[in-house]
Amino acid sequence: NLLTTTFCPGVMTPKKGKWRFEESKEEDIWRRPPPDRVLAFARKHGMRFKGQPLMCDRWHPSWAKRQTKAEAEAFYTDWFKRVAERYGKSAFMFDVVNEAFDTKKRTPDFPLYCGDEELPFVDWAFAEAQKFFPPECKLDINMGIGATEWKIHGKRYYNLCKRIVDSGIRLDSIGFQFHLFSNKQLRDFIALKKWHPDMLSEYYRKMGSLNRPLFINEITIPSTLLPGAAGQAIQAEV
């Protein structure tokens, strides 16, 4: 009973100084509705409201691509503050940082990346966000880890979260992505070639040792392995 909507800053502020929080006469953006509309829907139907993500390298505003590190930090401080003031008391959760491990290969020119493998901008983002969001709004981290990368990036994700927790920075929950983007990946999963349930359970126990709630934030399971209702039955079973 959780309604998630997107808070990509690149879409929420497509032009410097312009914000897309409320309804307007401008044309809708696919999968990116104004958050005020989504919040109203959530309240009408008694659903908890979640925003995702507040920071992600590939959703940094296009007009801010050439920002310096200091300019980007000032932008995100202002961004966190604006979102917290408008939605912090209404939302159940926000994903503060999304897919940070992909930054190096995807957008190494992200102003906060700076080529550092330890990703200190993640710690910085949570330290900034905690200044503005009330305790009742969870601050979550969200990471996608490919089926063949769990042994490498899984450990790296654990170490990143542990570092934040040990430093005393607020990290209220830990999120995961579970995407099967093709029928081949679905067949491999059913055949237990990848994403073996025992592997997942072991990893969740490891992450759970950090004493933070765990969430499956994103999930994709194809229903196209068989046509019609048969494919949907496979999807439901998985």
C-alpha atoms as a PDB file:
ATOM      1  CA  ASN A   1       0.000   0.000   0.000  1.00  0.00           C
ATOM      2  CA  LEU A   2       2.793   2.347  -1.009  1.00  0.00           C
ATOM      3  CA  LEU A   3       2.611   4.818  -3.886  1.00  0.00           C
ATOM      4  CA  THR A   4       5.961   5.788  -5.411  1.00  0.00           C
ATOM      5  CA  THR A   5       6.516   8.779  -7.662  1.00  0.00           C
ATOM      6  CA  THR A   6       9.629  10.185  -9.261  1.00  0.00           C
ATOM      7  CA  PHE A   7      11.492  13.225  -7.969  1.00  0.00           C
ATOM      8  CA  CYS A   8      14.242  13.376 -10.595  1.00  0.00           C
ATOM      9  CA  PRO A   9      15.676  16.895 -10.199  1.00  0.00           C
ATOM     10  CA  GLY A  10      16.332  17.016 -13.937  1.00  0.00           C
ATOM     11  CA  VAL A  11      12.578  16.840 -14.512  1.00  0.00           C
ATOM     12  CA  MET A  12      11.379  18.624 -11.400  1.00  0.00           C
ATOM     13  CA  THR A  13      13.525  21.654 -12.252  1.00  0.00           C
ATOM     14  CA  PRO A  14      13.968  21.544 -16.062  1.00  0.00           C
ATOM     15  CA  LYS A  15      15.072  25.175 -16.074  1.00  0.00           C
ATOM     16  CA  LYS A  16      17.058  27.012 -13.440  1.00  0.00           C
ATOM     17  CA  GLY A  17      14.676  28.498 -10.898  1.00  0.00           C
ATOM     18  CA  LYS A  18      11.629  26.674 -12.297  1.00  0.00           C
ATOM     19  CA  TRP A  19       9.926  23.902 -10.281  1.00  0.00           C
ATOM     20  CA  ARG A  20       7.315  21.319 -11.302  1.00  0.00           C
ATOM     21  CA  PHE A  21       5.819  20.490  -7.908  1.00  0.00           C
ATOM     22  CA  GLU A  22       2.279  21.659  -8.594  1.00  0.00           C
ATOM     23  CA  GLU A  23      -0.251  21.358 -11.397  1.00  0.00           C
ATOM     24  CA  SER A  24       0.262  23.611 -14.402  1.00  0.00           C
ATOM     25  CA  LYS A  25      -1.089  24.098 -17.896  1.00  0.00           C
ATOM     26  CA  GLU A  26       2.066  22.676 -19.421  1.00  0.00           C
ATOM     27  CA  GLU A  27       2.027  19.276 -21.096  1.00  0.00           C
ATOM     28  CA  ASP A  28       2.561  16.281 -18.825  1.00  0.00           C
ATOM     29  CA  ILE A  29       5.868  14.408 -18.869  1.00  0.00           C
ATOM     30  CA  TRP A  30       5.484  10.641 -19.222  1.00  0.00           C
ATOM     31  CA  ARG A  31       6.020   8.843 -15.884  1.00  0.00           C
ATOM     32  CA  ARG A  32       6.855  12.178 -14.241  1.00  0.00           C
ATOM     33  CA  PRO A  33       3.589  13.701 -12.954  1.00  0.00           C
ATOM     34  CA  PRO A  34       3.633  16.751 -10.676  1.00  0.00           C
ATOM     35  CA  PRO A  35       4.127  15.427  -7.110  1.00  0.00           C
ATOM     36  CA  ASP A  36       1.192  17.461  -5.772  1.00  0.00           C
ATOM     37  CA  ARG A  37      -1.134  15.413  -7.997  1.00  0.00           C
ATOM     38  CA  VAL A  38       0.325  12.128  -6.784  1.00  0.00           C
ATOM     39  CA  LEU A  39       0.142  13.168  -3.135  1.00  0.00           C
ATOM     40  CA  ALA A  40      -3.523  14.123  -3.551  1.00  0.00           C
ATOM     41  CA  PHE A  41      -4.217  10.703  -5.094  1.00  0.00           C
ATOM     42  CA  ALA A  42      -2.372   8.957  -2.246  1.00  0.00           C
ATOM     43  CA  ARG A  43      -4.381  10.819   0.371  1.00  0.00           C
ATOM     44  CA  LYS A  44      -7.663  10.116  -1.401  1.00  0.00           C
ATOM     45  CA  HIS A  45      -7.001   6.374  -1.416  1.00  0.00           C
ATOM     46  CA  GLY A  46      -5.271   6.063   1.945  1.00  0.00           C
ATOM     47  CA  MET A  47      -1.883   5.198   0.474  1.00  0.00           C
ATOM     48  CA  ARG A  48       1.564   5.991   1.827  1.00  0.00           C
ATOM     49  CA  PHE A  49       3.544   8.371  -0.394  1.00  0.00           C
ATOM     50  CA  LYS A  50       7.155   7.807  -1.432  1.00  0.00           C
ATOM     51  CA  GLY A  51       9.508   9.908  -3.565  1.00  0.00           C
ATOM     52  CA  GLN A  52      12.339   8.441  -5.646  1.00  0.00           C
ATOM     53  CA  PRO A  53      15.128   9.533  -6.260  1.00  0.00           C
ATOM     54  CA  LEU A  54      16.371  12.876  -4.957  1.00  0.00           C
ATOM     55  CA  MET A  55      19.877  12.375  -6.370  1.00  0.00           C
ATOM     56  CA  CYS A  56      21.024  10.255  -9.284  1.00  0.00           C
ATOM     57  CA  ASP A  57      23.869  11.027 -11.674  1.00  0.00           C
ATOM     58  CA  ARG A  58      21.882  10.583 -14.896  1.00  0.00           C
ATOM     59  CA  TRP A  59      18.979  12.696 -13.648  1.00  0.00           C
ATOM     60  CA  HIS A  60      21.046  15.727 -12.748  1.00  0.00           C
ATOM     61  CA  PRO A  61      19.509  18.780 -14.503  1.00  0.00           C
ATOM     62  CA  SER A  62      20.862  19.298 -18.009  1.00  0.00           C
ATOM     63  CA  TRP A  63      21.260  23.019 -17.360  1.00  0.00           C
ATOM     64  CA  ALA A  64      23.550  22.194 -14.414  1.00  0.00           C
ATOM     65  CA  LYS A  65      25.910  19.761 -16.167  1.00  0.00           C
ATOM     66  CA  ARG A  66      28.838  22.177 -16.029  1.00  0.00           C
ATOM     67  CA  GLN A  67      28.453  23.021 -12.362  1.00  0.00           C
ATOM     68  CA  THR A  68      31.491  22.921 -10.123  1.00  0.00           C
ATOM     69  CA  LYS A  69      31.407  20.597  -7.130  1.00  0.00           C
ATOM     70  CA  ALA A  70      30.627  23.543  -4.834  1.00  0.00           C
ATOM     71  CA  GLU A  71      27.829  24.729  -7.121  1.00  0.00           C
ATOM     72  CA  ALA A  72      26.332  21.233  -7.270  1.00  0.00           C
ATOM     73  CA  GLU A  73      26.448  20.913  -3.495  1.00  0.00           C
ATOM     74  CA  ALA A  74      24.654  24.245  -3.155  1.00  0.00           C
ATOM     75  CA  PHE A  75      22.034  23.093  -5.665  1.00  0.00           C
ATOM     76  CA  TYR A  76      21.326  19.810  -3.843  1.00  0.00           C
ATOM     77  CA  THR A  77      21.242  21.486  -0.447  1.00  0.00           C
ATOM     78  CA  ASP A  78      18.566  23.824  -1.791  1.00  0.00           C
ATOM     79  CA  TRP A  79      16.787  20.897  -3.508  1.00  0.00           C
ATOM     80  CA  PHE A  80      16.646  18.789  -0.335  1.00  0.00           C
ATOM     81  CA  LYS A  81      15.398  21.772   1.634  1.00  0.00           C
ATOM     82  CA  ARG A  82      12.623  22.566  -0.852  1.00  0.00           C
ATOM     83  CA  VAL A  83      11.407  18.951  -1.022  1.00  0.00           C
ATOM     84  CA  ALA A  84      11.543  18.509   2.748  1.00  0.00           C
ATOM     85  CA  GLU A  85       9.601  21.695   3.412  1.00  0.00           C
ATOM     86  CA  ARG A  86       6.907  20.756   0.908  1.00  0.00           C
ATOM     87  CA  TYR A  87       6.617  16.981   1.416  1.00  0.00           C
ATOM     88  CA  GLY A  88       8.683  15.959   4.439  1.00  0.00           C
ATOM     89  CA  LYS A  89       5.685  15.728   6.793  1.00  0.00           C
ATOM     90  CA  SER A  90       3.489  13.979   4.214  1.00  0.00           C
ATOM     91  CA  ALA A  91       5.844  11.384   2.751  1.00  0.00           C
ATOM     92  CA  PHE A  92       6.612   7.968   4.183  1.00  0.00           C
ATOM     93  CA  MET A  93      10.044   7.792   2.537  1.00  0.00           C
ATOM     94  CA  PHE A  94      12.460   9.329   0.057  1.00  0.00           C
ATOM     95  CA  ASP A  95      15.274   7.574  -1.783  1.00  0.00           C
ATOM     96  CA  VAL A  96      18.044  10.108  -1.223  1.00  0.00           C
ATOM     97  CA  VAL A  97      20.643   8.552  -3.547  1.00  0.00           C
ATOM     98  CA  ASN A  98      20.016   6.118  -6.388  1.00  0.00           C
ATOM     99  CA  GLU A  99      22.388   3.827  -8.343  1.00  0.00           C
ATOM    100  CA  ALA A 100      25.596   5.504  -7.191  1.00  0.00           C
ATOM    101  CA  PHE A 101      27.767   2.586  -8.344  1.00  0.00           C
ATOM    102  CA  ASP A 102      26.807   3.257 -11.965  1.00  0.00           C
ATOM    103  CA  THR A 103      28.159   6.809 -11.949  1.00  0.00           C
ATOM    104  CA  LYS A 104      31.683   5.996 -13.109  1.00  0.00           C
ATOM    105  CA  LYS A 105      30.639   4.199 -16.310  1.00  0.00           C
ATOM    106  CA  ARG A 106      27.454   6.167 -16.937  1.00  0.00           C
ATOM    107  CA  THR A 107      28.105   9.853 -16.226  1.00  0.00           C
ATOM    108  CA  PRO A 108      31.622  10.373 -14.873  1.00  0.00           C
ATOM    109  CA  ASP A 109      31.136  14.107 -15.460  1.00  0.00           C
ATOM    110  CA  PHE A 110      28.499  14.248 -12.694  1.00  0.00           C
ATOM    111  CA  PRO A 111      29.749  17.264 -10.701  1.00  0.00           C
ATOM    112  CA  LEU A 112      29.704  15.453  -7.344  1.00  0.00           C
ATOM    113  CA  TYR A 113      31.463  12.301  -8.555  1.00  0.00           C
ATOM    114  CA  CYS A 114      35.013  13.674  -8.856  1.00  0.00           C
ATOM    115  CA  GLY A 115      36.417  10.276  -9.834  1.00  0.00           C
ATOM    116  CA  ASP A 116      36.602   8.938  -6.290  1.00  0.00           C
ATOM    117  CA  GLU A 117      35.808   5.235  -6.112  1.00  0.00           C
ATOM    118  CA  GLU A 118      34.630   5.468  -2.511  1.00  0.00           C
ATOM    119  CA  LEU A 119      31.708   7.684  -3.544  1.00  0.00           C
ATOM    120  CA  PRO A 120      31.921  10.246  -0.732  1.00  0.00           C
ATOM    121  CA  PHE A 121      29.067  12.215  -2.333  1.00  0.00           C
ATOM    122  CA  VAL A 122      26.681   9.532  -1.010  1.00  0.00           C
ATOM    123  CA  ASP A 123      27.679  10.236   2.605  1.00  0.00           C
ATOM    124  CA  TRP A 124      27.490  13.968   1.878  1.00  0.00           C
ATOM    125  CA  ALA A 125      23.973  13.692   0.451  1.00  0.00           C
ATOM    126  CA  PHE A 126      22.601  11.858   3.495  1.00  0.00           C
ATOM    127  CA  ALA A 127      24.341  14.254   5.861  1.00  0.00           C
ATOM    128  CA  GLU A 128      22.687  17.172   4.051  1.00  0.00           C
ATOM    129  CA  ALA A 129      19.265  15.541   3.772  1.00  0.00           C
ATOM    130  CA  GLN A 130      19.120  14.779   7.488  1.00  0.00           C
ATOM    131  CA  LYS A 131      19.288  18.516   8.190  1.00  0.00           C
ATOM    132  CA  PHE A 132      15.873  19.067   6.609  1.00  0.00           C
ATOM    133  CA  PHE A 133      13.723  15.913   6.672  1.00  0.00           C
ATOM    134  CA  PRO A 134      11.742  15.142   9.852  1.00  0.00           C
ATOM    135  CA  PRO A 135      12.275  11.804  11.650  1.00  0.00           C
ATOM    136  CA  GLU A 136       8.932  10.420  10.499  1.00  0.00           C
ATOM    137  CA  CYS A 137      10.068  10.558   6.849  1.00  0.00           C
ATOM    138  CA  LYS A 138      12.498   7.693   6.139  1.00  0.00           C
ATOM    139  CA  LEU A 139      15.722   8.458   4.282  1.00  0.00           C
ATOM    140  CA  ASP A 140      16.473   5.467   2.070  1.00  0.00           C
ATOM    141  CA  ILE A 141      19.336   4.447  -0.186  1.00  0.00           C
ATOM    142  CA  ASN A 142      18.547   2.582  -3.407  1.00  0.00           C
ATOM    143  CA  MET A 143      20.951   0.494  -5.433  1.00  0.00           C
ATOM    144  CA  GLY A 144      20.639  -1.815  -8.400  1.00  0.00           C
ATOM    145  CA  ILE A 145      23.009  -4.753  -8.382  1.00  0.00           C
ATOM    146  CA  GLY A 146      23.161  -6.998 -11.446  1.00  0.00           C
ATOM    147  CA  ALA A 147      22.693 -10.730 -11.174  1.00  0.00           C
ATOM    148  CA  THR A 148      26.364 -11.431 -11.928  1.00  0.00           C
ATOM    149  CA  GLU A 149      27.691  -8.647  -9.712  1.00  0.00           C
ATOM    150  CA  TRP A 150      26.349  -9.563  -6.270  1.00  0.00           C
ATOM    151  CA  LYS A 151      29.640 -10.976  -5.003  1.00  0.00           C
ATOM    152  CA  ILE A 152      31.466  -7.801  -6.054  1.00  0.00           C
ATOM    153  CA  HIS A 153      29.006  -4.943  -5.704  1.00  0.00           C
ATOM    154  CA  GLY A 154      26.970  -6.650  -3.002  1.00  0.00           C
ATOM    155  CA  LYS A 155      29.929  -6.475  -0.650  1.00  0.00           C
ATOM    156  CA  ARG A 156      30.638  -2.950  -1.819  1.00  0.00           C
ATOM    157  CA  TYR A 157      27.049  -1.912  -1.090  1.00  0.00           C
ATOM    158  CA  TYR A 158      27.260  -3.416   2.386  1.00  0.00           C
ATOM    159  CA  ASN A 159      30.509  -1.577   3.085  1.00  0.00           C
ATOM    160  CA  LEU A 160      29.035   1.713   1.840  1.00  0.00           C
ATOM    161  CA  CYS A 161      25.952   1.413   4.050  1.00  0.00           C
ATOM    162  CA  LYS A 162      28.032   0.305   7.035  1.00  0.00           C
ATOM    163  CA  ARG A 163      30.295   3.312   6.614  1.00  0.00           C
ATOM    164  CA  ILE A 164      27.319   5.673   6.685  1.00  0.00           C
ATOM    165  CA  VAL A 165      25.760   3.946   9.693  1.00  0.00           C
ATOM    166  CA  ASP A 166      29.051   3.820  11.607  1.00  0.00           C
ATOM    167  CA  SER A 167      29.668   7.514  10.951  1.00  0.00           C
ATOM    168  CA  GLY A 168      26.413   8.427  12.666  1.00  0.00           C
ATOM    169  CA  ILE A 169      24.844   9.851   9.515  1.00  0.00           C
ATOM    170  CA  ARG A 170      21.142   9.136   9.302  1.00  0.00           C
ATOM    171  CA  LEU A 171      20.323   6.157   7.080  1.00  0.00           C
ATOM    172  CA  ASP A 172      16.833   4.926   7.908  1.00  0.00           C
ATOM    173  CA  SER A 173      16.503   2.054   5.442  1.00  0.00           C
ATOM    174  CA  ILE A 174      18.283   0.160   2.672  1.00  0.00           C
ATOM    175  CA  GLY A 175      16.704  -0.474  -0.714  1.00  0.00           C
ATOM    176  CA  PHE A 176      17.305  -2.894  -3.576  1.00  0.00           C
ATOM    177  CA  GLN A 177      16.326  -3.256  -7.200  1.00  0.00           C
ATOM    178  CA  PHE A 178      15.252  -6.602  -8.643  1.00  0.00           C
ATOM    179  CA  HIS A 179      14.925  -6.311 -12.418  1.00  0.00           C
ATOM    180  CA  LEU A 180      14.473  -9.120 -14.940  1.00  0.00           C
ATOM    181  CA  PHE A 181      14.391  -7.145 -18.176  1.00  0.00           C
ATOM    182  CA  SER A 182      14.048 -10.007 -20.645  1.00  0.00           C
ATOM    183  CA  ASN A 183      12.591 -13.477 -21.065  1.00  0.00           C
ATOM    184  CA  LYS A 184      16.114 -14.904 -21.008  1.00  0.00           C
ATOM    185  CA  GLN A 185      16.745 -13.383 -17.586  1.00  0.00           C
ATOM    186  CA  LEU A 186      13.392 -14.714 -16.414  1.00  0.00           C
ATOM    187  CA  ARG A 187      14.228 -18.222 -17.684  1.00  0.00           C
ATOM    188  CA  ASP A 188      17.632 -18.068 -15.972  1.00  0.00           C
ATOM    189  CA  PHE A 189      15.926 -17.083 -12.730  1.00  0.00           C
ATOM    190  CA  ILE A 190      13.363 -19.902 -12.960  1.00  0.00           C
ATOM    191  CA  ALA A 191      16.201 -22.350 -13.701  1.00  0.00           C
ATOM    192  CA  LEU A 192      18.079 -20.982 -10.637  1.00  0.00           C
ATOM    193  CA  LYS A 193      21.040 -19.962 -12.780  1.00  0.00           C
ATOM    194  CA  LYS A 194      20.990 -16.411 -11.392  1.00  0.00           C
ATOM    195  CA  TRP A 195      19.409 -14.636  -8.432  1.00  0.00           C
ATOM    196  CA  HIS A 196      19.177 -17.934  -6.560  1.00  0.00           C
ATOM    197  CA  PRO A 197      16.795 -17.483  -3.583  1.00  0.00           C
ATOM    198  CA  ASP A 198      19.423 -18.828  -1.177  1.00  0.00           C
ATOM    199  CA  MET A 199      21.874 -16.206  -2.440  1.00  0.00           C
ATOM    200  CA  LEU A 200      19.295 -13.461  -2.006  1.00  0.00           C
ATOM    201  CA  SER A 201      18.394 -14.622   1.502  1.00  0.00           C
ATOM    202  CA  GLU A 202      22.050 -14.764   2.511  1.00  0.00           C
ATOM    203  CA  TYR A 203      22.600 -11.260   1.189  1.00  0.00           C
ATOM    204  CA  TYR A 204      19.515  -9.864   2.923  1.00  0.00           C
ATOM    205  CA  ARG A 205      20.667 -11.383   6.217  1.00  0.00           C
ATOM    206  CA  LYS A 206      24.055  -9.728   5.735  1.00  0.00           C
ATOM    207  CA  MET A 207      22.491  -6.346   5.015  1.00  0.00           C
ATOM    208  CA  GLY A 208      20.000  -6.855   7.835  1.00  0.00           C
ATOM    209  CA  SER A 209      22.897  -7.053  10.293  1.00  0.00           C
ATOM    210  CA  LEU A 210      23.113  -3.255   9.918  1.00  0.00           C
ATOM    211  CA  ASN A 211      19.795  -3.070  11.801  1.00  0.00           C
ATOM    212  CA  ARG A 212      17.997  -1.067   9.155  1.00  0.00           C
ATOM    213  CA  PRO A 213      14.742  -2.072   7.410  1.00  0.00           C
ATOM    214  CA  LEU A 214      15.219  -3.521   3.930  1.00  0.00           C
ATOM    215  CA  PHE A 215      12.973  -2.633   0.983  1.00  0.00           C
ATOM    216  CA  ILE A 216      12.608  -3.961  -2.550  1.00  0.00           C
ATOM    217  CA  ASN A 217      12.203  -0.531  -4.118  1.00  0.00           C
ATOM    218  CA  GLU A 218      12.054  -1.566  -7.749  1.00  0.00           C
ATOM    219  CA  ILE A 219      11.007  -4.834  -9.345  1.00  0.00           C
ATOM    220  CA  THR A 220      10.523  -5.938 -12.946  1.00  0.00           C
ATOM    221  CA  ILE A 221       9.261  -9.402 -13.906  1.00  0.00           C
ATOM    222  CA  PRO A 222       8.214  -9.988 -17.537  1.00  0.00           C
ATOM    223  CA  SER A 223       4.798 -11.482 -18.267  1.00  0.00           C
ATOM    224  CA  THR A 224       5.708 -12.298 -21.873  1.00  0.00           C
ATOM    225  CA  LEU A 225       7.259 -15.749 -21.432  1.00  0.00           C
ATOM    226  CA  LEU A 226       3.909 -17.222 -22.448  1.00  0.00           C
ATOM    227  CA  PRO A 227       0.994 -15.365 -24.044  1.00  0.00           C
ATOM    228  CA  GLY A 228      -1.926 -13.956 -22.117  1.00  0.00           C
ATOM    229  CA  ALA A 229      -2.981 -15.234 -18.725  1.00  0.00           C
ATOM    230  CA  ALA A 230      -0.327 -17.974 -18.692  1.00  0.00           C
ATOM    231  CA  GLY A 231       2.455 -15.388 -18.764  1.00  0.00           C
ATOM    232  CA  GLN A 232       0.755 -13.408 -16.031  1.00  0.00           C
ATOM    233  CA  ALA A 233       0.536 -16.557 -13.881  1.00  0.00           C
ATOM    234  CA  ILE A 234       4.304 -17.064 -14.216  1.00  0.00           C
ATOM    235  CA  GLN A 235       4.849 -13.400 -13.319  1.00  0.00           C
ATOM    236  CA  ALA A 236       2.636 -13.736 -10.232  1.00  0.00           C
ATOM    237  CA  GLU A 237       4.416 -16.917  -9.104  1.00  0.00           C
ATOM    238  CA  VAL A 238       7.876 -15.341  -9.412  1.00  0.00           C
END
